[in-house]
Amino acid sequence: MYEWSSNRKNVVLVTGHTHKPVFASGKYSTHPSNKIERDANEKLKPSYFNTGCCCFNDGDITGIEIENGFIRLIKWHEEEDKASSRQVLEEVRLDVLMKDLD
């Protein structure tokens, strides 16, 4: 999916349910498990996003959120006897993302 989206101009591909979240092709990620395996010298285009697994065994849910000029990878945690809590795992301003697509 990264290969397809990275070979197109001004395209962002958002997919889901591959069991492994990907945020902006791993370009902005500080978490090693979120990187697409690439040559260290290769510049990643932030063209590919994946929600991961929409629902984990522990009740947590990951998703992609686009709001107020940002795109985010979020996770909702189910807590016993409490309301679910939202955690932003990664985010980037859409204007920054669009500049990096070139």
C-alpha atoms as a PDB file:
ATOM      1  CA  MET A   1       0.000   0.000   0.000  1.00  0.00           C
ATOM      2  CA  TYR A   2       2.919   2.331   0.702  1.00  0.00           C
ATOM      3  CA  GLU A   3       4.466   1.530  -2.674  1.00  0.00           C
ATOM      4  CA  TRP A   4       1.227   2.431  -4.445  1.00  0.00           C
ATOM      5  CA  SER A   5       0.576   5.672  -2.545  1.00  0.00           C
ATOM      6  CA  SER A   6       4.182   6.864  -2.598  1.00  0.00           C
ATOM      7  CA  ASN A   7       4.315   6.632  -6.391  1.00  0.00           C
ATOM      8  CA  ARG A   8       1.453   9.108  -6.813  1.00  0.00           C
ATOM      9  CA  LYS A   9       1.449  12.886  -6.569  1.00  0.00           C
ATOM     10  CA  ASN A  10      -0.493  14.521  -3.711  1.00  0.00           C
ATOM     11  CA  VAL A  11      -2.163  11.257  -2.638  1.00  0.00           C
ATOM     12  CA  VAL A  12      -2.779  10.151   0.924  1.00  0.00           C
ATOM     13  CA  LEU A  13      -4.059   6.597   1.392  1.00  0.00           C
ATOM     14  CA  VAL A  14      -5.932   5.765   4.607  1.00  0.00           C
ATOM     15  CA  THR A  15      -6.707   2.084   5.135  1.00  0.00           C
ATOM     16  CA  GLY A  16      -7.516  -0.136   8.059  1.00  0.00           C
ATOM     17  CA  HIS A  17      -7.488  -3.466   9.762  1.00  0.00           C
ATOM     18  CA  THR A  18      -4.028  -4.814   9.010  1.00  0.00           C
ATOM     19  CA  HIS A  19      -3.349  -5.267  12.744  1.00  0.00           C
ATOM     20  CA  LYS A  20      -0.403  -2.849  12.611  1.00  0.00           C
ATOM     21  CA  PRO A  21      -1.014   0.905  12.794  1.00  0.00           C
ATOM     22  CA  VAL A  22       1.011   3.037  10.389  1.00  0.00           C
ATOM     23  CA  PHE A  23       1.123   6.813  10.663  1.00  0.00           C
ATOM     24  CA  ALA A  24       2.373   8.855   7.692  1.00  0.00           C
ATOM     25  CA  SER A  25       4.376   5.885   6.380  1.00  0.00           C
ATOM     26  CA  GLY A  26       6.388   5.998   9.627  1.00  0.00           C
ATOM     27  CA  LYS A  27       7.956   9.324   8.599  1.00  0.00           C
ATOM     28  CA  TYR A  28       7.131  11.231  11.793  1.00  0.00           C
ATOM     29  CA  SER A  29       7.046   8.229  14.106  1.00  0.00           C
ATOM     30  CA  THR A  30       9.344   7.855  17.068  1.00  0.00           C
ATOM     31  CA  HIS A  31       8.013   4.369  17.764  1.00  0.00           C
ATOM     32  CA  PRO A  32      10.158   1.724  16.011  1.00  0.00           C
ATOM     33  CA  SER A  33       7.262  -0.677  15.385  1.00  0.00           C
ATOM     34  CA  ASN A  34       5.536   1.980  13.279  1.00  0.00           C
ATOM     35  CA  LYS A  35       8.318   2.252  10.679  1.00  0.00           C
ATOM     36  CA  ILE A  36       7.973   0.662   7.283  1.00  0.00           C
ATOM     37  CA  GLU A  37      11.170  -1.289   6.621  1.00  0.00           C
ATOM     38  CA  ARG A  38      13.235   0.879   4.263  1.00  0.00           C
ATOM     39  CA  ASP A  39      16.842   1.624   3.407  1.00  0.00           C
ATOM     40  CA  ALA A  40      18.114   4.184   5.947  1.00  0.00           C
ATOM     41  CA  ASN A  41      18.938   6.618   3.117  1.00  0.00           C
ATOM     42  CA  GLU A  42      15.490   6.456   1.531  1.00  0.00           C
ATOM     43  CA  LYS A  43      13.216   9.430   2.167  1.00  0.00           C
ATOM     44  CA  LEU A  44       9.716   8.299   3.139  1.00  0.00           C
ATOM     45  CA  LYS A  45       6.702  10.088   1.707  1.00  0.00           C
ATOM     46  CA  PRO A  46       4.020  10.497   4.388  1.00  0.00           C
ATOM     47  CA  SER A  47       1.418   9.038   2.031  1.00  0.00           C
ATOM     48  CA  TYR A  48       0.207   5.938   3.881  1.00  0.00           C
ATOM     49  CA  PHE A  49      -1.905   5.696   7.043  1.00  0.00           C
ATOM     50  CA  ASN A  50      -3.414   2.569   8.562  1.00  0.00           C
ATOM     51  CA  THR A  51      -5.715   2.339  11.556  1.00  0.00           C
ATOM     52  CA  GLY A  52      -4.267  -1.007  12.582  1.00  0.00           C
ATOM     53  CA  CYS A  53      -6.683  -3.322  14.313  1.00  0.00           C
ATOM     54  CA  CYS A  54      -9.923  -1.543  14.970  1.00  0.00           C
ATOM     55  CA  CYS A  55     -10.537  -3.514  18.182  1.00  0.00           C
ATOM     56  CA  PHE A  56      -8.012  -5.360  20.343  1.00  0.00           C
ATOM     57  CA  ASN A  57      -8.702  -8.257  22.739  1.00  0.00           C
ATOM     58  CA  ASP A  58      -8.441  -5.883  25.705  1.00  0.00           C
ATOM     59  CA  GLY A  59     -11.200  -3.682  24.256  1.00  0.00           C
ATOM     60  CA  ASP A  60      -8.885  -0.927  22.984  1.00  0.00           C
ATOM     61  CA  ILE A  61      -9.629   0.613  19.598  1.00  0.00           C
ATOM     62  CA  THR A  62      -7.228   2.452  17.275  1.00  0.00           C
ATOM     63  CA  GLY A  63      -8.256   4.839  14.540  1.00  0.00           C
ATOM     64  CA  ILE A  64      -7.295   7.732  12.303  1.00  0.00           C
ATOM     65  CA  GLU A  65      -8.799  11.106  13.184  1.00  0.00           C
ATOM     66  CA  ILE A  66      -8.818  14.209  10.976  1.00  0.00           C
ATOM     67  CA  GLU A  67      -9.848  17.360  12.831  1.00  0.00           C
ATOM     68  CA  ASN A  68      -8.978  21.054  13.095  1.00  0.00           C
ATOM     69  CA  GLY A  69      -6.110  20.898  10.615  1.00  0.00           C
ATOM     70  CA  PHE A  70      -4.467  17.779  12.105  1.00  0.00           C
ATOM     71  CA  ILE A  71      -4.389  14.090  11.260  1.00  0.00           C
ATOM     72  CA  ARG A  72      -3.893  11.802  14.257  1.00  0.00           C
ATOM     73  CA  LEU A  73      -3.449   8.154  15.146  1.00  0.00           C
ATOM     74  CA  ILE A  74      -5.586   7.685  18.237  1.00  0.00           C
ATOM     75  CA  LYS A  75      -6.291   4.894  20.671  1.00  0.00           C
ATOM     76  CA  TRP A  76      -9.346   4.524  22.848  1.00  0.00           C
ATOM     77  CA  HIS A  77      -8.799   2.626  26.105  1.00  0.00           C
ATOM     78  CA  GLU A  78     -11.630   0.851  27.828  1.00  0.00           C
ATOM     79  CA  GLU A  79     -11.302   1.254  31.578  1.00  0.00           C
ATOM     80  CA  GLU A  80     -13.311  -0.721  34.134  1.00  0.00           C
ATOM     81  CA  ASP A  81     -16.113   1.279  35.751  1.00  0.00           C
ATOM     82  CA  LYS A  82     -14.974   4.438  33.914  1.00  0.00           C
ATOM     83  CA  ALA A  83     -15.656   6.145  30.636  1.00  0.00           C
ATOM     84  CA  SER A  84     -13.322   5.244  27.787  1.00  0.00           C
ATOM     85  CA  SER A  85     -10.271   7.489  27.452  1.00  0.00           C
ATOM     86  CA  ARG A  86      -8.741   8.819  24.231  1.00  0.00           C
ATOM     87  CA  GLN A  87      -4.965   8.878  23.698  1.00  0.00           C
ATOM     88  CA  VAL A  88      -3.218  10.613  20.800  1.00  0.00           C
ATOM     89  CA  LEU A  89      -0.402   8.306  19.705  1.00  0.00           C
ATOM     90  CA  GLU A  90       0.875  10.518  16.843  1.00  0.00           C
ATOM     91  CA  GLU A  91      -0.222  13.646  15.038  1.00  0.00           C
ATOM     92  CA  VAL A  92       0.898  16.072  12.353  1.00  0.00           C
ATOM     93  CA  ARG A  93      -0.567  19.265  10.950  1.00  0.00           C
ATOM     94  CA  LEU A  94      -2.123  18.672   7.530  1.00  0.00           C
ATOM     95  CA  ASP A  95      -0.286  21.656   6.004  1.00  0.00           C
ATOM     96  CA  VAL A  96       3.063  20.142   7.056  1.00  0.00           C
ATOM     97  CA  LEU A  97       2.009  16.744   5.716  1.00  0.00           C
ATOM     98  CA  MET A  98       1.014  18.214   2.348  1.00  0.00           C
ATOM     99  CA  LYS A  99       4.389  19.974   1.966  1.00  0.00           C
ATOM    100  CA  ASP A 100       6.177  16.687   2.669  1.00  0.00           C
ATOM    101  CA  LEU A 101       4.233  14.831  -0.037  1.00  0.00           C
ATOM    102  CA  ASP A 102       6.256  16.474  -2.819  1.00  0.00           C
END
